[in-house]
């Protein structure tokens, strides 16, 4: 599965658009992570507990998007984007989305 943030893929042409595709992940920060992050925020710098959480969530959202595109019969996703938001004080939502397409080499 080819996933790109661009509309066109060099050396390929789009044969068919399957439609909008997405993958959603909601992650909660655990108590220990929140405590460590709060302590780190007092001194400044990167909060590695949150960085790791969001990196993992993005990978899972991307994997889910790819699986959804495969179910639709696509072999590529174009115009892929990420979006994120907070739910309450302790949860993060990550969405990977794009357009599922069928491509062929030119």
Protein backbone atom coordinates (compact mmCIF):
# COMPACT_ATOMS: atom_id res chain seq x y z
CA UNK A 1 0.00 0.00 0.00
CA UNK A 2 1.43 3.33 -1.09
CA UNK A 3 0.50 6.23 1.19
CA UNK A 4 1.35 9.77 0.18
CA UNK A 5 0.49 13.29 1.27
CA UNK A 6 0.45 14.46 -2.34
CA UNK A 7 -2.41 14.39 -4.82
CA UNK A 8 -0.35 12.85 -7.63
CA UNK A 9 2.19 10.04 -7.49
CA UNK A 10 5.14 10.32 -9.87
CA UNK A 11 5.18 7.47 -12.37
CA UNK A 12 1.60 6.40 -11.58
CA UNK A 13 -1.88 7.28 -12.66
CA UNK A 14 -5.11 6.95 -10.74
CA UNK A 15 -7.51 4.47 -12.29
CA UNK A 16 -10.27 4.67 -9.73
CA UNK A 17 -11.14 6.62 -6.60
CA UNK A 18 -12.65 4.42 -3.90
CA UNK A 19 -13.50 7.23 -1.51
CA UNK A 20 -12.60 8.78 1.80
CA UNK A 21 -10.75 6.52 4.22
CA UNK A 22 -9.68 7.03 7.82
CA UNK A 23 -8.20 5.39 10.89
CA UNK A 24 -9.00 6.62 14.42
CA UNK A 25 -7.18 5.98 17.69
CA UNK A 26 -8.06 7.36 21.13
CA UNK A 27 -5.38 6.98 23.76
CA UNK A 28 -5.49 7.70 27.46
CA UNK A 29 -2.49 8.85 29.40
CA UNK A 30 -1.97 6.65 32.45
CA UNK A 31 -1.56 7.99 35.97
CA UNK A 32 2.19 7.30 36.07
CA UNK A 33 2.70 9.02 32.71
CA UNK A 34 0.69 12.04 33.83
CA UNK A 35 2.72 12.35 37.03
CA UNK A 36 6.06 12.09 35.18
CA UNK A 37 4.87 14.56 32.55
CA UNK A 38 3.73 17.01 35.23
CA UNK A 39 7.13 16.83 36.91
CA UNK A 40 8.94 17.32 33.60
CA UNK A 41 6.75 20.29 32.71
CA UNK A 42 8.00 22.08 35.82
CA UNK A 43 11.56 22.15 34.51
CA UNK A 44 10.74 22.47 30.80
CA UNK A 45 11.88 20.51 27.78
CA UNK A 46 10.41 17.59 25.88
CA UNK A 47 7.88 15.45 27.68
CA UNK A 48 8.95 12.06 26.35
CA UNK A 49 5.98 10.21 27.87
CA UNK A 50 3.57 12.21 25.69
CA UNK A 51 5.85 12.09 22.64
CA UNK A 52 5.94 8.29 22.77
CA UNK A 53 2.18 8.09 23.30
CA UNK A 54 1.44 10.27 20.28
CA UNK A 55 4.00 8.57 18.01
CA UNK A 56 2.47 5.18 18.78
CA UNK A 57 -1.06 6.51 18.30
CA UNK A 58 -0.14 7.97 14.90
CA UNK A 59 1.32 4.65 13.75
CA UNK A 60 -1.82 2.80 14.85
CA UNK A 61 -4.11 5.34 13.15
CA UNK A 62 -2.11 5.02 9.93
CA UNK A 63 -2.25 1.20 10.11
CA UNK A 64 -6.03 1.31 10.60
CA UNK A 65 -6.43 3.69 7.67
CA UNK A 66 -4.41 1.36 5.43
CA UNK A 67 -6.52 -1.65 6.48
CA UNK A 68 -9.70 0.28 5.69
CA UNK A 69 -8.33 1.25 2.27
CA UNK A 70 -7.44 -2.38 1.53
CA UNK A 71 -10.98 -3.45 2.46
CA UNK A 72 -12.27 -0.94 -0.10
CA UNK A 73 -10.06 -2.50 -2.80
CA UNK A 74 -7.53 0.33 -2.96
CA UNK A 75 -3.79 -0.06 -3.43
CA UNK A 76 -2.87 3.51 -2.45
CA UNK A 77 -3.99 6.45 -0.32
CA UNK A 78 -3.40 9.97 -1.59
CA UNK A 79 -3.72 13.31 0.21
CA UNK A 80 -3.12 11.60 3.58
CA UNK A 81 -3.29 13.87 6.63
CA UNK A 82 -3.26 13.58 10.41
CA UNK A 83 -5.56 15.39 12.79
CA UNK A 84 -5.58 15.33 16.56
CA UNK A 85 -7.66 16.59 19.43
CA UNK A 86 -8.05 16.24 23.15
CA UNK A 87 -10.99 14.50 24.78
CA UNK A 88 -11.30 15.63 28.36
CA UNK A 89 -8.12 16.13 30.31
CA UNK A 90 -6.47 12.75 29.74
CA UNK A 91 -7.31 11.42 26.28
CA UNK A 92 -5.94 12.18 22.84
CA UNK A 93 -7.64 11.37 19.56
CA UNK A 94 -5.49 10.86 16.45
CA UNK A 95 -7.08 10.51 13.01
CA UNK A 96 -5.27 9.55 9.81
CA UNK A 97 -7.34 10.23 6.70
CA UNK A 98 -7.05 10.48 2.95
CA UNK A 99 -8.51 9.29 -0.34
CA UNK A 100 -8.34 5.58 -1.18
CA UNK A 101 -7.45 5.00 -4.84
CA UNK A 102 -6.42 2.32 -7.30
CA UNK A 103 -3.23 3.23 -9.14
CA UNK A 104 -1.07 1.73 -11.85
CA UNK A 105 2.43 2.49 -13.07
CA UNK A 106 2.62 4.55 -16.25
